[in-house]
């Protein structure tokens, strides 16, 4: 996983992460033992009542112009943000 995340870890850190991952997987296996046959599947945990709603009401708004979106960026090119390269192998 560290390699996929492009992390450079010491042997001590690798051993510690492996132990942590093992603990997490053990806990997930324990959760899998629970009987959830009577529980309705959920896509998200939101309340529909107005006083407890967790999202704002959708409002139609005009889109942000590209020039406004990149207008305060330090470096742009052809209407896009330019950022330094951070992923190298």
PDB file of N, CA and C in Angstrom:
ATOM      1  N   UNK A   1       0.822  -1.190   0.000  1.00  0.00           N
ATOM      2  CA  UNK A   1       0.000   0.000   0.000  1.00  0.00           C
ATOM      3  C   UNK A   1       0.863   1.248   0.000  1.00  0.00           C
ATOM      4  N   UNK A   2       1.954   1.222   0.737  1.00  0.00           N
ATOM      5  CA  UNK A   2       2.829   2.391   0.786  1.00  0.00           C
ATOM      6  C   UNK A   2       3.375   2.712  -0.600  1.00  0.00           C
ATOM      7  N   UNK A   3       3.693   1.674  -1.355  1.00  0.00           N
ATOM      8  CA  UNK A   3       4.208   1.892  -2.716  1.00  0.00           C
ATOM      9  C   UNK A   3       3.136   2.510  -3.602  1.00  0.00           C
ATOM     10  N   UNK A   4       1.891   2.032  -3.489  1.00  0.00           N
ATOM     11  CA  UNK A   4       0.798   2.603  -4.270  1.00  0.00           C
ATOM     12  C   UNK A   4       0.547   4.061  -3.900  1.00  0.00           C
ATOM     13  N   UNK A   5       0.740   4.407  -2.635  1.00  0.00           N
ATOM     14  CA  UNK A   5       0.552   5.781  -2.174  1.00  0.00           C
ATOM     15  C   UNK A   5       1.811   6.610  -2.375  1.00  0.00           C
ATOM     16  N   UNK A   6       2.830   6.007  -2.950  1.00  0.00           N
ATOM     17  CA  UNK A   6       4.107   6.669  -3.218  1.00  0.00           C
ATOM     18  C   UNK A   6       4.730   7.209  -1.929  1.00  0.00           C
ATOM     19  N   UNK A   7       4.702   6.367  -0.876  1.00  0.00           N
ATOM     20  CA  UNK A   7       5.286   6.730   0.410  1.00  0.00           C
ATOM     21  C   UNK A   7       6.620   6.021   0.592  1.00  0.00           C
ATOM     22  N   UNK A   8       7.588   6.722   1.120  1.00  0.00           N
ATOM     23  CA  UNK A   8       8.870   6.120   1.462  1.00  0.00           C
ATOM     24  C   UNK A   8       8.859   5.870   2.969  1.00  0.00           C
ATOM     25  N   UNK A   9       8.743   4.604   3.364  1.00  0.00           N
ATOM     26  CA  UNK A   9       8.658   4.258   4.778  1.00  0.00           C
ATOM     27  C   UNK A   9       9.882   3.471   5.209  1.00  0.00           C
ATOM     28  N   UNK A  10      10.289   3.696   6.457  1.00  0.00           N
ATOM     29  CA  UNK A  10      11.382   2.901   7.021  1.00  0.00           C
ATOM     30  C   UNK A  10      10.850   1.508   7.350  1.00  0.00           C
ATOM     31  N   UNK A  11      11.748   0.579   7.623  1.00  0.00           N
ATOM     32  CA  UNK A  11      11.342  -0.775   7.989  1.00  0.00           C
ATOM     33  C   UNK A  11      10.473  -0.754   9.251  1.00  0.00           C
ATOM     34  N   UNK A  12      10.826   0.110  10.196  1.00  0.00           N
ATOM     35  CA  UNK A  12      10.035   0.237  11.424  1.00  0.00           C
ATOM     36  C   UNK A  12       8.622   0.726  11.098  1.00  0.00           C
ATOM     37  N   UNK A  13       8.513   1.722  10.216  1.00  0.00           N
ATOM     38  CA  UNK A  13       7.200   2.241   9.834  1.00  0.00           C
ATOM     39  C   UNK A  13       6.375   1.197   9.087  1.00  0.00           C
ATOM     40  N   UNK A  14       7.033   0.407   8.238  1.00  0.00           N
ATOM     41  CA  UNK A  14       6.335  -0.651   7.502  1.00  0.00           C
ATOM     42  C   UNK A  14       5.775  -1.673   8.487  1.00  0.00           C
ATOM     43  N   UNK A  15       6.583  -2.064   9.462  1.00  0.00           N
ATOM     44  CA  UNK A  15       6.136  -3.043  10.459  1.00  0.00           C
ATOM     45  C   UNK A  15       4.958  -2.481  11.263  1.00  0.00           C
ATOM     46  N   UNK A  16       5.049  -1.206  11.631  1.00  0.00           N
ATOM     47  CA  UNK A  16       3.974  -0.571  12.402  1.00  0.00           C
ATOM     48  C   UNK A  16       2.695  -0.494  11.568  1.00  0.00           C
ATOM     49  N   UNK A  17       2.811  -0.100  10.296  1.00  0.00           N
ATOM     50  CA  UNK A  17       1.645  -0.017   9.410  1.00  0.00           C
ATOM     51  C   UNK A  17       1.032  -1.395   9.192  1.00  0.00           C
ATOM     52  N   UNK A  18       1.860  -2.417   9.049  1.00  0.00           N
ATOM     53  CA  UNK A  18       1.353  -3.776   8.848  1.00  0.00           C
ATOM     54  C   UNK A  18       0.556  -4.223  10.069  1.00  0.00           C
ATOM     55  N   UNK A  19       1.044  -3.891  11.241  1.00  0.00           N
ATOM     56  CA  UNK A  19       0.324  -4.238  12.474  1.00  0.00           C
ATOM     57  C   UNK A  19      -1.006  -3.483  12.536  1.00  0.00           C
ATOM     58  N   UNK A  20      -0.981  -2.201  12.195  1.00  0.00           N
ATOM     59  CA  UNK A  20      -2.220  -1.408  12.192  1.00  0.00           C
ATOM     60  C   UNK A  20      -3.232  -1.972  11.197  1.00  0.00           C
ATOM     61  N   UNK A  21      -2.782  -2.300   9.988  1.00  0.00           N
ATOM     62  CA  UNK A  21      -3.673  -2.850   8.966  1.00  0.00           C
ATOM     63  C   UNK A  21      -4.256  -4.182   9.417  1.00  0.00           C
ATOM     64  N   UNK A  22      -3.448  -4.999  10.059  1.00  0.00           N
ATOM     65  CA  UNK A  22      -3.925  -6.282  10.569  1.00  0.00           C
ATOM     66  C   UNK A  22      -5.022  -6.060  11.607  1.00  0.00           C
ATOM     67  N   UNK A  23      -4.833  -5.077  12.484  1.00  0.00           N
ATOM     68  CA  UNK A  23      -5.850  -4.765  13.492  1.00  0.00           C
ATOM     69  C   UNK A  23      -7.140  -4.286  12.836  1.00  0.00           C
ATOM     70  N   UNK A  24      -7.021  -3.460  11.822  1.00  0.00           N
ATOM     71  CA  UNK A  24      -8.198  -2.951  11.116  1.00  0.00           C
ATOM     72  C   UNK A  24      -8.955  -4.095  10.452  1.00  0.00           C
ATOM     73  N   UNK A  25      -8.234  -4.976   9.769  1.00  0.00           N
ATOM     74  CA  UNK A  25      -8.881  -6.107   9.093  1.00  0.00           C
ATOM     75  C   UNK A  25      -9.521  -7.059  10.086  1.00  0.00           C
ATOM     76  N   UNK A  26      -8.902  -7.260  11.245  1.00  0.00           N
ATOM     77  CA  UNK A  26      -9.483  -8.095  12.295  1.00  0.00           C
ATOM     78  C   UNK A  26     -10.794  -7.487  12.780  1.00  0.00           C
ATOM     79  N   UNK A  27     -10.811  -6.167  12.949  1.00  0.00           N
ATOM     80  CA  UNK A  27     -12.029  -5.477  13.392  1.00  0.00           C
ATOM     81  C   UNK A  27     -13.125  -5.590  12.335  1.00  0.00           C
ATOM     82  N   UNK A  28     -12.763  -5.437  11.069  1.00  0.00           N
ATOM     83  CA  UNK A  28     -13.752  -5.561   9.989  1.00  0.00           C
ATOM     84  C   UNK A  28     -14.335  -6.970   9.970  1.00  0.00           C
ATOM     85  N   UNK A  29     -13.505  -7.970  10.149  1.00  0.00           N
ATOM     86  CA  UNK A  29     -14.011  -9.348  10.210  1.00  0.00           C
ATOM     87  C   UNK A  29     -14.983  -9.518  11.370  1.00  0.00           C
ATOM     88  N   UNK A  30     -14.696  -8.884  12.501  1.00  0.00           N
ATOM     89  CA  UNK A  30     -15.604  -8.958  13.644  1.00  0.00           C
ATOM     90  C   UNK A  30     -16.940  -8.290  13.304  1.00  0.00           C
ATOM     91  N   UNK A  31     -16.898  -7.138  12.612  1.00  0.00           N
ATOM     92  CA  UNK A  31     -18.133  -6.466  12.195  1.00  0.00           C
ATOM     93  C   UNK A  31     -18.923  -7.330  11.220  1.00  0.00           C
ATOM     94  N   UNK A  32     -18.242  -8.086  10.371  1.00  0.00           N
ATOM     95  CA  UNK A  32     -18.913  -8.952   9.408  1.00  0.00           C
ATOM     96  C   UNK A  32     -19.685 -10.084  10.089  1.00  0.00           C
ATOM     97  N   UNK A  33     -19.393 -10.364  11.359  1.00  0.00           N
ATOM     98  CA  UNK A  33     -20.108 -11.404  12.093  1.00  0.00           C
ATOM     99  C   UNK A  33     -21.494 -10.939  12.553  1.00  0.00           C
ATOM    100  N   UNK A  34     -21.735  -9.620  12.529  1.00  0.00           N
ATOM    101  CA  UNK A  34     -23.022  -9.092  12.981  1.00  0.00           C
ATOM    102  C   UNK A  34     -24.135  -9.473  12.016  1.00  0.00           C
ATOM    103  N   UNK A  35     -25.315  -9.767  12.577  1.00  0.00           N
ATOM    104  CA  UNK A  35     -26.481 -10.076  11.756  1.00  0.00           C
ATOM    105  C   UNK A  35     -27.136  -8.772  11.331  1.00  0.00           C
ATOM    106  N   UNK A  36     -27.027  -8.448  10.064  1.00  0.00           N
ATOM    107  CA  UNK A  36     -27.626  -7.218   9.537  1.00  0.00           C
ATOM    108  C   UNK A  36     -28.748  -7.544   8.557  1.00  0.00           C
ATOM    109  N   UNK A  37     -29.309  -8.750   8.637  1.00  0.00           N
ATOM    110  CA  UNK A  37     -30.344  -9.168   7.685  1.00  0.00           C
ATOM    111  C   UNK A  37     -31.600  -8.307   7.776  1.00  0.00           C
ATOM    112  N   UNK A  38     -31.892  -7.724   8.944  1.00  0.00           N
ATOM    113  CA  UNK A  38     -33.087  -6.902   9.085  1.00  0.00           C
ATOM    114  C   UNK A  38     -32.832  -5.422   8.902  1.00  0.00           C
ATOM    115  N   UNK A  39     -31.643  -5.059   8.456  1.00  0.00           N
ATOM    116  CA  UNK A  39     -31.295  -3.645   8.308  1.00  0.00           C
ATOM    117  C   UNK A  39     -31.415  -3.249   6.840  1.00  0.00           C
ATOM    118  N   UNK A  40     -32.189  -2.180   6.575  1.00  0.00           N
ATOM    119  CA  UNK A  40     -32.351  -1.682   5.211  1.00  0.00           C
ATOM    120  C   UNK A  40     -31.035  -1.102   4.703  1.00  0.00           C
ATOM    121  N   UNK A  41     -30.647  -1.406   3.470  1.00  0.00           N
ATOM    122  CA  UNK A  41     -29.444  -0.774   2.908  1.00  0.00           C
ATOM    123  C   UNK A  41     -29.650   0.732   2.784  1.00  0.00           C
ATOM    124  N   UNK A  42     -28.567   1.474   2.965  1.00  0.00           N
ATOM    125  CA  UNK A  42     -28.641   2.932   2.878  1.00  0.00           C
ATOM    126  C   UNK A  42     -27.572   3.444   1.923  1.00  0.00           C
ATOM    127  N   UNK A  43     -27.921   4.437   1.135  1.00  0.00           N
ATOM    128  CA  UNK A  43     -26.946   5.070   0.255  1.00  0.00           C
ATOM    129  C   UNK A  43     -26.228   6.190   0.992  1.00  0.00           C
ATOM    130  N   UNK A  44     -26.948   6.863   1.887  1.00  0.00           N
ATOM    131  CA  UNK A  44     -26.363   7.941   2.669  1.00  0.00           C
ATOM    132  C   UNK A  44     -27.191   8.140   3.933  1.00  0.00           C
ATOM    133  N   UNK A  45     -26.575   8.735   4.921  1.00  0.00           N
ATOM    134  CA  UNK A  45     -27.258   8.962   6.181  1.00  0.00           C
ATOM    135  C   UNK A  45     -27.661  10.430   6.235  1.00  0.00           C
ATOM    136  N   UNK A  46     -28.880  10.703   5.802  1.00  0.00           N
ATOM    137  CA  UNK A  46     -29.404  12.067   5.804  1.00  0.00           C
ATOM    138  C   UNK A  46     -30.813  12.057   6.373  1.00  0.00           C
ATOM    139  N   UNK A  47     -31.196  13.157   6.941  1.00  0.00           N
ATOM    140  CA  UNK A  47     -32.547  13.303   7.448  1.00  0.00           C
ATOM    141  C   UNK A  47     -33.355  14.106   6.446  1.00  0.00           C
ATOM    142  N   UNK A  48     -34.601  13.732   6.238  1.00  0.00           N
ATOM    143  CA  UNK A  48     -35.443  14.441   5.291  1.00  0.00           C
ATOM    144  C   UNK A  48     -36.227  15.581   5.935  1.00  0.00           C
ATOM    145  N   UNK A  49     -36.385  15.582   7.256  1.00  0.00           N
ATOM    146  CA  UNK A  49     -37.145  16.631   7.923  1.00  0.00           C
ATOM    147  C   UNK A  49     -36.381  17.947   7.836  1.00  0.00           C
ATOM    148  N   UNK A  50     -37.127  19.047   7.645  1.00  0.00           N
ATOM    149  CA  UNK A  50     -36.509  20.356   7.491  1.00  0.00           C
ATOM    150  C   UNK A  50     -35.636  20.757   8.671  1.00  0.00           C
ATOM    151  N   UNK A  51     -36.116  20.543   9.889  1.00  0.00           N
ATOM    152  CA  UNK A  51     -35.363  20.997  11.053  1.00  0.00           C
ATOM    153  C   UNK A  51     -34.094  20.185  11.307  1.00  0.00           C
ATOM    154  N   UNK A  52     -34.006  18.999  10.723  1.00  0.00           N
ATOM    155  CA  UNK A  52     -32.812  18.186  10.924  1.00  0.00           C
ATOM    156  C   UNK A  52     -32.079  17.898   9.616  1.00  0.00           C
ATOM    157  N   UNK A  53     -32.453  18.585   8.545  1.00  0.00           N
ATOM    158  CA  UNK A  53     -31.833  18.331   7.241  1.00  0.00           C
ATOM    159  C   UNK A  53     -30.331  18.601   7.322  1.00  0.00           C
ATOM    160  N   UNK A  54     -29.568  17.746   6.685  1.00  0.00           N
ATOM    161  CA  UNK A  54     -28.114  17.891   6.728  1.00  0.00           C
ATOM    162  C   UNK A  54     -27.544  18.534   5.470  1.00  0.00           C
ATOM    163  N   UNK A  55     -28.386  18.828   4.490  1.00  0.00           N
ATOM    164  CA  UNK A  55     -27.934  19.499   3.279  1.00  0.00           C
ATOM    165  C   UNK A  55     -28.784  20.732   3.031  1.00  0.00           C
ATOM    166  N   UNK A  56     -28.203  21.725   2.389  1.00  0.00           N
ATOM    167  CA  UNK A  56     -28.961  22.916   2.039  1.00  0.00           C
ATOM    168  C   UNK A  56     -29.875  22.605   0.860  1.00  0.00           C
ATOM    169  N   UNK A  57     -30.872  23.440   0.653  1.00  0.00           N
ATOM    170  CA  UNK A  57     -31.779  23.294  -0.474  1.00  0.00           C
ATOM    171  C   UNK A  57     -31.020  23.646  -1.752  1.00  0.00           C
ATOM    172  N   UNK A  58     -31.228  22.866  -2.803  1.00  0.00           N
ATOM    173  CA  UNK A  58     -30.588  23.157  -4.086  1.00  0.00           C
ATOM    174  C   UNK A  58     -31.173  24.419  -4.687  1.00  0.00           C
ATOM    175  N   UNK A  59     -30.306  25.268  -5.199  1.00  0.00           N
ATOM    176  CA  UNK A  59     -30.733  26.474  -5.884  1.00  0.00           C
ATOM    177  C   UNK A  59     -30.024  26.551  -7.228  1.00  0.00           C
ATOM    178  N   UNK A  60     -30.784  26.890  -8.267  1.00  0.00           N
ATOM    179  CA  UNK A  60     -30.181  27.053  -9.587  1.00  0.00           C
ATOM    180  C   UNK A  60     -29.422  28.367  -9.598  1.00  0.00           C
ATOM    181  N   UNK A  61     -28.158  28.317  -9.986  1.00  0.00           N
ATOM    182  CA  UNK A  61     -27.315  29.514 -10.057  1.00  0.00           C
ATOM    183  C   UNK A  61     -26.543  29.482 -11.367  1.00  0.00           C
ATOM    184  N   UNK A  62     -26.177  30.639 -11.876  1.00  0.00           N
ATOM    185  CA  UNK A  62     -25.356  30.627 -13.086  1.00  0.00           C
ATOM    186  C   UNK A  62     -23.980  30.054 -12.762  1.00  0.00           C
ATOM    187  N   UNK A  63     -23.380  29.343 -13.709  1.00  0.00           N
ATOM    188  CA  UNK A  63     -22.058  28.759 -13.436  1.00  0.00           C
ATOM    189  C   UNK A  63     -20.987  29.843 -13.323  1.00  0.00           C
ATOM    190  N   UNK A  64     -19.922  29.504 -12.635  1.00  0.00           N
ATOM    191  CA  UNK A  64     -18.783  30.395 -12.476  1.00  0.00           C
ATOM    192  C   UNK A  64     -18.026  30.467 -13.802  1.00  0.00           C
ATOM    193  N   UNK A  65     -17.764  31.657 -14.264  1.00  0.00           N
ATOM    194  CA  UNK A  65     -17.018  31.821 -15.517  1.00  0.00           C
ATOM    195  C   UNK A  65     -15.596  31.312 -15.333  1.00  0.00           C
ATOM    196  N   UNK A  66     -15.028  30.744 -16.370  1.00  0.00           N
ATOM    197  CA  UNK A  66     -13.669  30.212 -16.302  1.00  0.00           C
ATOM    198  C   UNK A  66     -12.681  31.290 -15.874  1.00  0.00           C
ATOM    199  N   UNK A  67     -12.822  32.494 -16.405  1.00  0.00           N
ATOM    200  CA  UNK A  67     -11.893  33.575 -16.052  1.00  0.00           C
ATOM    201  C   UNK A  67     -11.992  33.915 -14.565  1.00  0.00           C
ATOM    202  N   UNK A  68     -13.176  33.837 -13.989  1.00  0.00           N
ATOM    203  CA  UNK A  68     -13.334  34.079 -12.553  1.00  0.00           C
ATOM    204  C   UNK A  68     -12.730  32.943 -11.732  1.00  0.00           C
ATOM    205  N   UNK A  69     -12.884  31.719 -12.231  1.00  0.00           N
ATOM    206  CA  UNK A  69     -12.376  30.549 -11.493  1.00  0.00           C
ATOM    207  C   UNK A  69     -10.854  30.572 -11.394  1.00  0.00           C
ATOM    208  N   UNK A  70     -10.185  30.903 -12.490  1.00  0.00           N
ATOM    209  CA  UNK A  70      -8.713  30.874 -12.493  1.00  0.00           C
ATOM    210  C   UNK A  70      -8.112  32.257 -12.312  1.00  0.00           C
ATOM    211  N   UNK A  71      -8.967  33.259 -12.152  1.00  0.00           N
ATOM    212  CA  UNK A  71      -8.500  34.644 -12.087  1.00  0.00           C
ATOM    213  C   UNK A  71      -7.510  34.953 -10.990  1.00  0.00           C
ATOM    214  N   UNK A  72      -7.634  34.332  -9.834  1.00  0.00           N
ATOM    215  CA  UNK A  72      -6.722  34.635  -8.734  1.00  0.00           C
ATOM    216  C   UNK A  72      -5.654  33.561  -8.543  1.00  0.00           C
ATOM    217  N   UNK A  73      -5.569  32.623  -9.470  1.00  0.00           N
ATOM    218  CA  UNK A  73      -4.544  31.578  -9.366  1.00  0.00           C
ATOM    219  C   UNK A  73      -3.179  32.174  -9.696  1.00  0.00           C
ATOM    220  N   UNK A  74      -2.124  31.717  -9.013  1.00  0.00           N
ATOM    221  CA  UNK A  74      -0.797  32.278  -9.282  1.00  0.00           C
ATOM    222  C   UNK A  74      -0.289  31.975 -10.694  1.00  0.00           C
ATOM    223  N   UNK A  75      -0.614  30.782 -11.221  1.00  0.00           N
ATOM    224  CA  UNK A  75      -0.149  30.416 -12.559  1.00  0.00           C
ATOM    225  C   UNK A  75      -1.275  29.697 -13.294  1.00  0.00           C
ATOM    226  N   UNK A  76      -1.560  30.152 -14.518  1.00  0.00           N
ATOM    227  CA  UNK A  76      -2.574  29.505 -15.346  1.00  0.00           C
ATOM    228  C   UNK A  76      -2.037  29.348 -16.758  1.00  0.00           C
ATOM    229  N   UNK A  77      -2.704  28.504 -17.528  1.00  0.00           N
ATOM    230  CA  UNK A  77      -2.343  28.328 -18.935  1.00  0.00           C
ATOM    231  C   UNK A  77      -3.565  27.799 -19.661  1.00  0.00           C
ATOM    232  N   UNK A  78      -3.956  28.455 -20.724  1.00  0.00           N
ATOM    233  CA  UNK A  78      -5.068  28.040 -21.577  1.00  0.00           C
ATOM    234  C   UNK A  78      -6.354  27.824 -20.775  1.00  0.00           C
ATOM    235  N   UNK A  79      -6.578  28.645 -19.745  1.00  0.00           N
ATOM    236  CA  UNK A  79      -7.793  28.547 -18.968  1.00  0.00           C
ATOM    237  C   UNK A  79      -7.782  27.497 -17.876  1.00  0.00           C
ATOM    238  N   UNK A  80      -6.615  26.915 -17.594  1.00  0.00           N
ATOM    239  CA  UNK A  80      -6.489  25.879 -16.561  1.00  0.00           C
ATOM    240  C   UNK A  80      -5.536  26.341 -15.463  1.00  0.00           C
ATOM    241  N   UNK A  81      -5.687  25.757 -14.270  1.00  0.00           N
ATOM    242  CA  UNK A  81      -4.723  25.977 -13.196  1.00  0.00           C
ATOM    243  C   UNK A  81      -3.443  25.231 -13.543  1.00  0.00           C
ATOM    244  N   UNK A  82      -2.295  25.828 -13.285  1.00  0.00           N
ATOM    245  CA  UNK A  82      -1.029  25.122 -13.444  1.00  0.00           C
ATOM    246  C   UNK A  82      -0.461  24.909 -12.044  1.00  0.00           C
ATOM    247  N   UNK A  83      -0.090  23.678 -11.759  1.00  0.00           N
ATOM    248  CA  UNK A  83       0.468  23.335 -10.455  1.00  0.00           C
ATOM    249  C   UNK A  83       1.768  22.564 -10.664  1.00  0.00           C
ATOM    250  N   UNK A  84       2.657  22.586  -9.681  1.00  0.00           N
ATOM    251  CA  UNK A  84       3.899  21.839  -9.824  1.00  0.00           C
ATOM    252  C   UNK A  84       3.643  20.331  -9.847  1.00  0.00           C
ATOM    253  N   UNK A  85       4.473  19.629 -10.567  1.00  0.00           N
ATOM    254  CA  UNK A  85       4.375  18.175 -10.620  1.00  0.00           C
ATOM    255  C   UNK A  85       4.746  17.625  -9.239  1.00  0.00           C
ATOM    256  N   UNK A  86       3.883  16.751  -8.697  1.00  0.00           N
ATOM    257  CA  UNK A  86       4.146  16.196  -7.375  1.00  0.00           C
ATOM    258  C   UNK A  86       4.288  14.678  -7.385  1.00  0.00           C
ATOM    259  N   UNK A  87       3.944  14.045  -8.506  1.00  0.00           N
ATOM    260  CA  UNK A  87       4.034  12.597  -8.581  1.00  0.00           C
ATOM    261  C   UNK A  87       5.193  12.218  -9.504  1.00  0.00           C
ATOM    262  N   UNK A  88       6.163  11.555  -8.929  1.00  0.00           N
ATOM    263  CA  UNK A  88       7.298  11.088  -9.713  1.00  0.00           C
ATOM    264  C   UNK A  88       7.613   9.670  -9.317  1.00  0.00           C
ATOM    265  N   UNK A  89       8.058   8.884 -10.235  1.00  0.00           N
ATOM    266  CA  UNK A  89       8.438   7.497  -9.952  1.00  0.00           C
ATOM    267  C   UNK A  89       9.860   7.278 -10.364  1.00  0.00           C
TER     268      UNK A  89
END
